[in-house]
PDB file of N, CA and C in Angstrom:
ATOM      1  N   MET A   1       6.136   5.057  27.738  1.00  0.00           N
ATOM      2  CA  MET A   1       7.356   5.807  27.618  1.00  0.00           C
ATOM      3  C   MET A   1       7.094   7.238  26.729  1.00  0.00           C
ATOM      4  N   ALA A   2       6.280   7.841  27.478  1.00  0.00           N
ATOM      5  CA  ALA A   2       5.906   9.202  26.764  1.00  0.00           C
ATOM      6  C   ALA A   2       6.727  10.516  26.721  1.00  0.00           C
ATOM      7  N   ASP A   3       7.633  10.331  27.720  1.00  0.00           N
ATOM      8  CA  ASP A   3       8.520  11.468  27.581  1.00  0.00           C
ATOM      9  C   ASP A   3       9.491  11.270  26.591  1.00  0.00           C
ATOM     10  N   GLY A   4       9.876  12.545  25.946  1.00  0.00           N
ATOM     11  CA  GLY A   4      10.764  12.626  24.896  1.00  0.00           C
ATOM     12  C   GLY A   4      12.230  11.940  25.563  1.00  0.00           C
ATOM     13  N   GLU A   5      12.692  12.511  26.835  1.00  0.00           N
ATOM     14  CA  GLU A   5      13.862  12.404  27.075  1.00  0.00           C
ATOM     15  C   GLU A   5      14.316  10.484  27.228  1.00  0.00           C
ATOM     16  N   GLN A   6      13.030   9.991  27.479  1.00  0.00           N
ATOM     17  CA  GLN A   6      13.339   8.433  27.716  1.00  0.00           C
ATOM     18  C   GLN A   6      13.372   7.681  26.475  1.00  0.00           C
ATOM     19  N   TRP A   7      12.968   8.347  25.276  1.00  0.00           N
ATOM     20  CA  TRP A   7      13.166   7.883  23.942  1.00  0.00           C
ATOM     21  C   TRP A   7      14.661   8.189  23.929  1.00  0.00           C
ATOM     22  N   GLU A   8      15.213   9.205  24.096  1.00  0.00           N
ATOM     23  CA  GLU A   8      16.891   9.412  23.697  1.00  0.00           C
ATOM     24  C   GLU A   8      17.353   8.498  24.646  1.00  0.00           C
ATOM     25  N   GLN A   9      17.309   7.875  25.581  1.00  0.00           N
ATOM     26  CA  GLN A   9      17.929   7.083  26.183  1.00  0.00           C
ATOM     27  C   GLN A   9      18.011   5.515  25.386  1.00  0.00           C
ATOM     28  N   LEU A  10      17.454   5.173  24.558  1.00  0.00           N
ATOM     29  CA  LEU A  10      17.291   4.167  23.630  1.00  0.00           C
ATOM     30  C   LEU A  10      18.382   4.336  22.720  1.00  0.00           C
ATOM     31  N   SER A  11      18.840   3.161  22.237  1.00  0.00           N
ATOM     32  CA  SER A  11      19.434   3.040  21.018  1.00  0.00           C
ATOM     33  C   SER A  11      19.302   3.384  19.574  1.00  0.00           C
ATOM     34  N   SER A  12      19.863   3.318  18.798  1.00  0.00           N
ATOM     35  CA  SER A  12      19.327   4.052  17.250  1.00  0.00           C
ATOM     36  C   SER A  12      18.093   2.434  17.136  1.00  0.00           C
ATOM     37  N   LYS A  13      19.271   1.368  17.416  1.00  0.00           N
ATOM     38  CA  LYS A  13      18.743  -0.011  16.560  1.00  0.00           C
ATOM     39  C   LYS A  13      16.862  -0.254  17.373  1.00  0.00           C
ATOM     40  N   GLU A  14      17.341   0.354  18.899  1.00  0.00           N
ATOM     41  CA  GLU A  14      16.002  -0.045  19.530  1.00  0.00           C
ATOM     42  C   GLU A  14      14.768   0.859  18.993  1.00  0.00           C
ATOM     43  N   LEU A  15      15.232   2.250  18.855  1.00  0.00           N
ATOM     44  CA  LEU A  15      14.234   3.094  17.996  1.00  0.00           C
ATOM     45  C   LEU A  15      13.670   2.544  16.930  1.00  0.00           C
ATOM     46  N   HIS A  16      14.933   1.902  16.188  1.00  0.00           N
ATOM     47  CA  HIS A  16      14.351   1.533  14.535  1.00  0.00           C
ATOM     48  C   HIS A  16      13.452   0.707  15.060  1.00  0.00           C
ATOM     49  N   ASP A  17      13.894  -0.736  15.808  1.00  0.00           N
ATOM     50  CA  ASP A  17      12.623  -1.720  15.791  1.00  0.00           C
ATOM     51  C   ASP A  17      11.406  -1.252  16.244  1.00  0.00           C
ATOM     52  N   ARG A  18      11.600  -0.498  17.472  1.00  0.00           N
ATOM     53  CA  ARG A  18       9.936   0.072  18.104  1.00  0.00           C
ATOM     54  C   ARG A  18       8.991   0.651  17.079  1.00  0.00           C
ATOM     55  N   ALA A  19       9.712   1.492  16.312  1.00  0.00           N
ATOM     56  CA  ALA A  19       9.132   2.278  15.492  1.00  0.00           C
ATOM     57  C   ALA A  19       8.796   1.590  14.392  1.00  0.00           C
ATOM     58  N   VAL A  20       9.428   0.718  13.694  1.00  0.00           N
ATOM     59  CA  VAL A  20       9.183  -0.444  12.537  1.00  0.00           C
ATOM     60  C   VAL A  20       8.307  -1.261  13.154  1.00  0.00           C
ATOM     61  N   GLN A  21       8.671  -1.911  14.354  1.00  0.00           N
ATOM     62  CA  GLN A  21       7.048  -2.861  14.877  1.00  0.00           C
ATOM     63  C   GLN A  21       5.740  -2.101  14.884  1.00  0.00           C
ATOM     64  N   ARG A  22       5.960  -0.826  15.470  1.00  0.00           N
ATOM     65  CA  ARG A  22       4.422  -0.043  15.811  1.00  0.00           C
ATOM     66  C   ARG A  22       3.664   0.053  14.491  1.00  0.00           C
ATOM     67  N   ALA A  23       4.804   0.541  13.513  1.00  0.00           N
ATOM     68  CA  ALA A  23       3.821   0.908  12.053  1.00  0.00           C
ATOM     69  C   ALA A  23       3.780  -0.574  11.424  1.00  0.00           C
ATOM     70  N   VAL A  24       4.105  -1.344  11.468  1.00  0.00           N
ATOM     71  CA  VAL A  24       3.549  -2.921  11.020  1.00  0.00           C
ATOM     72  C   VAL A  24       2.853  -3.109  11.598  1.00  0.00           C
ATOM     73  N   ARG A  25       2.615  -3.166  12.954  1.00  0.00           N
ATOM     74  CA  ARG A  25       1.172  -3.480  13.714  1.00  0.00           C
ATOM     75  C   ARG A  25       0.104  -2.710  13.331  1.00  0.00           C
ATOM     76  N   HIS A  26       0.278  -1.487  13.083  1.00  0.00           N
ATOM     77  CA  HIS A  26      -0.749  -0.549  13.088  1.00  0.00           C
ATOM     78  C   HIS A  26      -0.940  -0.414  11.306  1.00  0.00           C
ATOM     79  N   GLY A  27      -0.520  -1.051  10.471  1.00  0.00           N
ATOM     80  CA  GLY A  27      -0.671  -0.937   8.820  1.00  0.00           C
ATOM     81  C   GLY A  27      -0.006   0.576   8.660  1.00  0.00           C
ATOM     82  N   ASP A  28       0.742   1.137   9.457  1.00  0.00           N
ATOM     83  CA  ASP A  28       0.980   2.669   9.069  1.00  0.00           C
ATOM     84  C   ASP A  28       1.947   2.308   7.630  1.00  0.00           C
ATOM     85  N   ILE A  29       1.626   2.023   6.531  1.00  0.00           N
ATOM     86  CA  ILE A  29       2.424   2.512   5.269  1.00  0.00           C
ATOM     87  C   ILE A  29       2.777   3.806   5.286  1.00  0.00           C
ATOM     88  N   ARG A  30       2.152   4.525   5.468  1.00  0.00           N
ATOM     89  CA  ARG A  30       2.776   6.234   5.400  1.00  0.00           C
ATOM     90  C   ARG A  30       4.100   6.588   6.043  1.00  0.00           C
ATOM     91  N   PHE A  31       4.326   5.691   7.345  1.00  0.00           N
ATOM     92  CA  PHE A  31       5.576   5.767   7.925  1.00  0.00           C
ATOM     93  C   PHE A  31       6.813   5.152   7.182  1.00  0.00           C
ATOM     94  N   LEU A  32       5.954   3.872   6.887  1.00  0.00           N
ATOM     95  CA  LEU A  32       7.075   2.915   6.315  1.00  0.00           C
ATOM     96  C   LEU A  32       7.756   3.319   5.236  1.00  0.00           C
ATOM     97  N   TRP A  33       6.760   3.653   4.133  1.00  0.00           N
ATOM     98  CA  TRP A  33       7.152   4.722   2.943  1.00  0.00           C
ATOM     99  C   TRP A  33       8.101   5.906   3.142  1.00  0.00           C
ATOM    100  N   ARG A  34       7.615   6.604   4.041  1.00  0.00           N
ATOM    101  CA  ARG A  34       8.467   7.806   4.545  1.00  0.00           C
ATOM    102  C   ARG A  34       9.750   7.317   4.775  1.00  0.00           C
ATOM    103  N   LEU A  35       9.928   6.251   5.760  1.00  0.00           N
ATOM    104  CA  LEU A  35      11.422   5.557   5.815  1.00  0.00           C
ATOM    105  C   LEU A  35      11.957   5.326   4.833  1.00  0.00           C
ATOM    106  N   LEU A  36      11.499   4.385   3.948  1.00  0.00           N
ATOM    107  CA  LEU A  36      12.099   4.439   2.551  1.00  0.00           C
ATOM    108  C   LEU A  36      12.543   5.727   1.980  1.00  0.00           C
ATOM    109  N   GLU A  37      12.013   6.673   1.956  1.00  0.00           N
ATOM    110  CA  GLU A  37      12.134   7.805   0.897  1.00  0.00           C
ATOM    111  C   GLU A  37      13.453   8.437   1.607  1.00  0.00           C
ATOM    112  N   GLN A  38      13.352   8.461   3.161  1.00  0.00           N
ATOM    113  CA  GLN A  38      14.426   9.018   3.983  1.00  0.00           C
ATOM    114  C   GLN A  38      15.920   8.464   4.030  1.00  0.00           C
ATOM    115  N   ILE A  39      15.780   7.058   3.747  1.00  0.00           N
ATOM    116  CA  ILE A  39      17.261   6.523   3.858  1.00  0.00           C
ATOM    117  C   ILE A  39      18.336   6.713   2.610  1.00  0.00           C
ATOM    118  N   PRO A  40      18.094   7.098   1.701  1.00  0.00           N
ATOM    119  CA  PRO A  40      18.873   7.615   0.831  1.00  0.00           C
ATOM    120  C   PRO A  40      19.858   8.942   1.423  1.00  0.00           C
ATOM    121  N   ALA A  41      18.807   9.877   1.828  1.00  0.00           N
ATOM    122  CA  ALA A  41      19.415  11.152   2.226  1.00  0.00           C
ATOM    123  C   ALA A  41      20.133  10.679   3.654  1.00  0.00           C
ATOM    124  N   ALA A  42      20.018   9.651   4.309  1.00  0.00           N
ATOM    125  CA  ALA A  42      20.406   9.200   5.600  1.00  0.00           C
ATOM    126  C   ALA A  42      21.838   8.685   5.332  1.00  0.00           C
ATOM    127  N   ALA A  43      21.926   7.838   4.363  1.00  0.00           N
ATOM    128  CA  ALA A  43      22.941   7.385   3.654  1.00  0.00           C
ATOM    129  C   ALA A  43      24.065   8.055   3.312  1.00  0.00           C
ATOM    130  N   ALA A  44      23.503   9.447   2.825  1.00  0.00           N
ATOM    131  CA  ALA A  44      24.604  10.426   2.489  1.00  0.00           C
ATOM    132  C   ALA A  44      24.878  10.846   3.579  1.00  0.00           C
ATOM    133  N   ALA A  45      24.230  11.229   4.424  1.00  0.00           N
ATOM    134  CA  ALA A  45      24.566  12.256   5.475  1.00  0.00           C
ATOM    135  C   ALA A  45      25.428  11.238   6.621  1.00  0.00           C
ATOM    136  N   ALA A  46      25.650   9.955   6.034  1.00  0.00           N
ATOM    137  CA  ALA A  46      26.199   8.959   7.039  1.00  0.00           C
ATOM    138  C   ALA A  46      27.666   8.784   6.432  1.00  0.00           C
ATOM    139  N   GLY A  47      27.770   9.632   5.135  1.00  0.00           N
ATOM    140  CA  GLY A  47      28.890   9.126   4.638  1.00  0.00           C
ATOM    141  C   GLY A  47      29.108   8.265   3.228  1.00  0.00           C
ATOM    142  N   ASP A  48      27.924   7.810   3.022  1.00  0.00           N
ATOM    143  CA  ASP A  48      27.947   6.829   2.131  1.00  0.00           C
ATOM    144  C   ASP A  48      27.238   7.056   0.977  1.00  0.00           C
ATOM    145  N   ILE A  49      27.859   8.218   0.167  1.00  0.00           N
ATOM    146  CA  ILE A  49      27.372   9.174  -1.049  1.00  0.00           C
ATOM    147  C   ILE A  49      27.035   7.932  -2.170  1.00  0.00           C
ATOM    148  N   GLY A  50      28.043   7.190  -2.587  1.00  0.00           N
ATOM    149  CA  GLY A  50      27.647   6.366  -3.569  1.00  0.00           C
ATOM    150  C   GLY A  50      26.260   5.148  -3.521  1.00  0.00           C
ATOM    151  N   GLU A  51      26.144   4.941  -2.082  1.00  0.00           N
ATOM    152  CA  GLU A  51      24.958   4.400  -1.664  1.00  0.00           C
ATOM    153  C   GLU A  51      23.966   4.974  -2.061  1.00  0.00           C
ATOM    154  N   SER A  52      23.831   6.320  -1.420  1.00  0.00           N
ATOM    155  CA  SER A  52      22.710   6.991  -1.764  1.00  0.00           C
ATOM    156  C   SER A  52      22.433   6.906  -3.197  1.00  0.00           C
ATOM    157  N   GLU A  53      23.268   7.211  -4.091  1.00  0.00           N
ATOM    158  CA  GLU A  53      22.878   7.397  -5.428  1.00  0.00           C
ATOM    159  C   GLU A  53      22.269   6.318  -5.775  1.00  0.00           C
ATOM    160  N   ALA A  54      23.052   5.071  -5.755  1.00  0.00           N
ATOM    161  CA  ALA A  54      22.390   3.781  -6.046  1.00  0.00           C
ATOM    162  C   ALA A  54      20.863   4.019  -5.649  1.00  0.00           C
ATOM    163  N   ASP A  55      20.302   3.782  -4.251  1.00  0.00           N
ATOM    164  CA  ASP A  55      19.226   4.087  -3.865  1.00  0.00           C
ATOM    165  C   ASP A  55      18.190   4.969  -4.707  1.00  0.00           C
ATOM    166  N   ILE A  56      18.662   5.953  -5.029  1.00  0.00           N
ATOM    167  CA  ILE A  56      17.684   6.909  -5.678  1.00  0.00           C
ATOM    168  C   ILE A  56      17.391   6.222  -6.822  1.00  0.00           C
ATOM    169  N   LYS A  57      18.375   5.566  -7.909  1.00  0.00           N
ATOM    170  CA  LYS A  57      17.920   5.221  -9.009  1.00  0.00           C
ATOM    171  C   LYS A  57      17.300   3.483  -9.045  1.00  0.00           C
ATOM    172  N   TYR A  58      17.575   2.688  -7.951  1.00  0.00           N
ATOM    173  CA  TYR A  58      16.856   1.670  -7.857  1.00  0.00           C
ATOM    174  C   TYR A  58      16.025   1.045  -6.520  1.00  0.00           C
ATOM    175  N   VAL A  59      14.620   0.279  -6.691  1.00  0.00           N
ATOM    176  CA  VAL A  59      13.901   0.064  -5.754  1.00  0.00           C
ATOM    177  C   VAL A  59      14.390  -0.970  -4.821  1.00  0.00           C
ATOM    178  N   LEU A  60      15.285  -1.850  -5.363  1.00  0.00           N
ATOM    179  CA  LEU A  60      15.552  -3.075  -4.304  1.00  0.00           C
ATOM    180  C   LEU A  60      16.576  -2.945  -3.567  1.00  0.00           C
ATOM    181  N   PRO A  61      17.609  -1.995  -3.782  1.00  0.00           N
ATOM    182  CA  PRO A  61      18.512  -1.566  -2.638  1.00  0.00           C
ATOM    183  C   PRO A  61      17.949  -0.807  -1.766  1.00  0.00           C
ATOM    184  N   MET A  62      16.718  -0.302  -2.129  1.00  0.00           N
ATOM    185  CA  MET A  62      16.144   0.679  -0.966  1.00  0.00           C
ATOM    186  C   MET A  62      15.419  -0.463  -0.088  1.00  0.00           C
ATOM    187  N   LEU A  63      14.717  -1.463  -0.387  1.00  0.00           N
ATOM    188  CA  LEU A  63      14.034  -2.221   0.312  1.00  0.00           C
ATOM    189  C   LEU A  63      15.246  -2.951   1.212  1.00  0.00           C
ATOM    190  N   ASP A  64      16.330  -3.372   0.644  1.00  0.00           N
ATOM    191  CA  ASP A  64      17.768  -3.977   1.374  1.00  0.00           C
ATOM    192  C   ASP A  64      17.703  -2.991   2.461  1.00  0.00           C
ATOM    193  N   ASP A  65      18.158  -1.485   1.923  1.00  0.00           N
ATOM    194  CA  ASP A  65      18.082  -0.587   3.101  1.00  0.00           C
ATOM    195  C   ASP A  65      17.195  -0.431   4.113  1.00  0.00           C
ATOM    196  N   TYR A  66      16.091  -0.655   3.895  1.00  0.00           N
ATOM    197  CA  TYR A  66      14.634  -0.948   4.763  1.00  0.00           C
ATOM    198  C   TYR A  66      15.237  -1.720   5.743  1.00  0.00           C
ATOM    199  N   VAL A  67      15.710  -2.884   5.468  1.00  0.00           N
ATOM    200  CA  VAL A  67      16.154  -4.154   6.304  1.00  0.00           C
ATOM    201  C   VAL A  67      17.260  -3.806   7.545  1.00  0.00           C
ATOM    202  N   HIS A  68      18.055  -2.699   6.898  1.00  0.00           N
ATOM    203  CA  HIS A  68      19.275  -2.621   7.575  1.00  0.00           C
ATOM    204  C   HIS A  68      19.163  -1.167   7.998  1.00  0.00           C
ATOM    205  N   SER A  69      18.120  -0.221   8.131  1.00  0.00           N
ATOM    206  CA  SER A  69      17.886   0.997   8.459  1.00  0.00           C
ATOM    207  C   SER A  69      17.956   1.343  10.141  1.00  0.00           C
ATOM    208  N   GLY A  70      18.237   0.152  10.886  1.00  0.00           N
ATOM    209  CA  GLY A  70      18.015   0.156  12.297  1.00  0.00           C
ATOM    210  C   GLY A  70      19.687  -0.056  12.663  1.00  0.00           C
ATOM    211  N   GLU A  71      20.594   0.016  11.678  1.00  0.00           N
ATOM    212  CA  GLU A  71      21.981  -0.568  11.819  1.00  0.00           C
ATOM    213  C   GLU A  71      22.936   0.655  11.710  1.00  0.00           C
ATOM    214  N   GLY A  72      24.074   0.575  12.628  1.00  0.00           N
ATOM    215  CA  GLY A  72      25.044   1.776  11.996  1.00  0.00           C
ATOM    216  C   GLY A  72      24.739   3.163  12.253  1.00  0.00           C
ATOM    217  N   ARG A  73      25.594   3.519  11.319  1.00  0.00           N
ATOM    218  CA  ARG A  73      25.334   5.137  11.083  1.00  0.00           C
ATOM    219  C   ARG A  73      24.458   5.744  10.726  1.00  0.00           C
ATOM    220  N   ILE A  74      23.581   5.096   9.557  1.00  0.00           N
ATOM    221  CA  ILE A  74      22.286   5.232   9.004  1.00  0.00           C
ATOM    222  C   ILE A  74      20.972   5.583  10.111  1.00  0.00           C
ATOM    223  N   ALA A  75      21.207   4.631  10.899  1.00  0.00           N
ATOM    224  CA  ALA A  75      20.422   4.291  12.097  1.00  0.00           C
ATOM    225  C   ALA A  75      20.485   5.700  13.144  1.00  0.00           C
ATOM    226  N   GLU A  76      21.861   5.995  13.388  1.00  0.00           N
ATOM    227  CA  GLU A  76      21.933   7.228  14.067  1.00  0.00           C
ATOM    228  C   GLU A  76      21.673   8.479  13.316  1.00  0.00           C
ATOM    229  N   VAL A  77      21.580   8.558  12.034  1.00  0.00           N
ATOM    230  CA  VAL A  77      20.991   9.649  11.141  1.00  0.00           C
ATOM    231  C   VAL A  77      19.271   9.576  11.230  1.00  0.00           C
ATOM    232  N   LEU A  78      18.881   8.393  11.192  1.00  0.00           N
ATOM    233  CA  LEU A  78      17.395   8.362  11.390  1.00  0.00           C
ATOM    234  C   LEU A  78      16.824   8.266  12.772  1.00  0.00           C
ATOM    235  N   ARG A  79      17.773   8.650  13.701  1.00  0.00           N
ATOM    236  CA  ARG A  79      16.940   8.570  15.098  1.00  0.00           C
ATOM    237  C   ARG A  79      16.199   9.783  15.484  1.00  0.00           C
ATOM    238  N   PRO A  80      16.355  10.874  15.092  1.00  0.00           N
ATOM    239  CA  PRO A  80      15.156  11.929  15.105  1.00  0.00           C
ATOM    240  C   PRO A  80      13.891  11.513  14.650  1.00  0.00           C
ATOM    241  N   MET A  81      13.937  10.892  13.623  1.00  0.00           N
ATOM    242  CA  MET A  81      12.712  10.312  12.928  1.00  0.00           C
ATOM    243  C   MET A  81      11.871   9.416  13.437  1.00  0.00           C
ATOM    244  N   TYR A  82      12.324   8.276  14.171  1.00  0.00           N
ATOM    245  CA  TYR A  82      11.968   7.143  14.836  1.00  0.00           C
ATOM    246  C   TYR A  82      11.531   7.853  16.199  1.00  0.00           C
ATOM    247  N   ILE A  83      12.412   8.806  16.974  1.00  0.00           N
ATOM    248  CA  ILE A  83      11.873   9.367  18.257  1.00  0.00           C
ATOM    249  C   ILE A  83      10.680  10.251  18.061  1.00  0.00           C
ATOM    250  N   GLU A  84      10.560  10.817  16.792  1.00  0.00           N
ATOM    251  CA  GLU A  84       9.272  11.722  16.643  1.00  0.00           C
ATOM    252  C   GLU A  84       8.248  10.946  16.169  1.00  0.00           C
ATOM    253  N   TYR A  85       8.184   9.880  15.508  1.00  0.00           N
ATOM    254  CA  TYR A  85       7.397   8.937  15.455  1.00  0.00           C
ATOM    255  C   TYR A  85       6.584   8.009  16.464  1.00  0.00           C
ATOM    256  N   LEU A  86       7.638   7.968  17.403  1.00  0.00           N
ATOM    257  CA  LEU A  86       7.070   6.954  18.769  1.00  0.00           C
ATOM    258  C   LEU A  86       6.605   7.911  19.714  1.00  0.00           C
ATOM    259  N   ALA A  87       7.072   8.945  19.694  1.00  0.00           N
ATOM    260  CA  ALA A  87       6.293  10.189  20.594  1.00  0.00           C
ATOM    261  C   ALA A  87       4.968  10.632  20.343  1.00  0.00           C
ATOM    262  N   GLU A  88       4.841  10.576  19.016  1.00  0.00           N
ATOM    263  CA  GLU A  88       3.541  10.675  18.430  1.00  0.00           C
ATOM    264  C   GLU A  88       2.612   9.890  18.465  1.00  0.00           C
ATOM    265  N   HIS A  89       3.324   8.644  18.614  1.00  0.00           N
ATOM    266  CA  HIS A  89       2.123   7.453  18.637  1.00  0.00           C
ATOM    267  C   HIS A  89       1.970   6.770  19.927  1.00  0.00           C
ATOM    268  N   ASP A  90       2.493   7.273  21.075  1.00  0.00           N
ATOM    269  CA  ASP A  90       2.843   6.475  22.164  1.00  0.00           C
ATOM    270  C   ASP A  90       1.452   7.062  23.159  1.00  0.00           C
TER     271      ASP A  90
END
């Protein structure tokens, strides 16, 4: 699935799952860490301002957010990151 338009056809959840599975399978800690860093900003962009402030202060909520970063509005905000990563490593 090398064509960028094909990635656009997938749901945000599918993109998240594929990107995270690929990163885990290849031991790509850099991508996983980048994802964790982006989640507070994605939460803010998705309208969860209080959640983003809490994430900046505490690591455990970030890990919880990581688990759920393929769901809902946050996944939608993170779509470009997933597409970029998958296209780069396809």
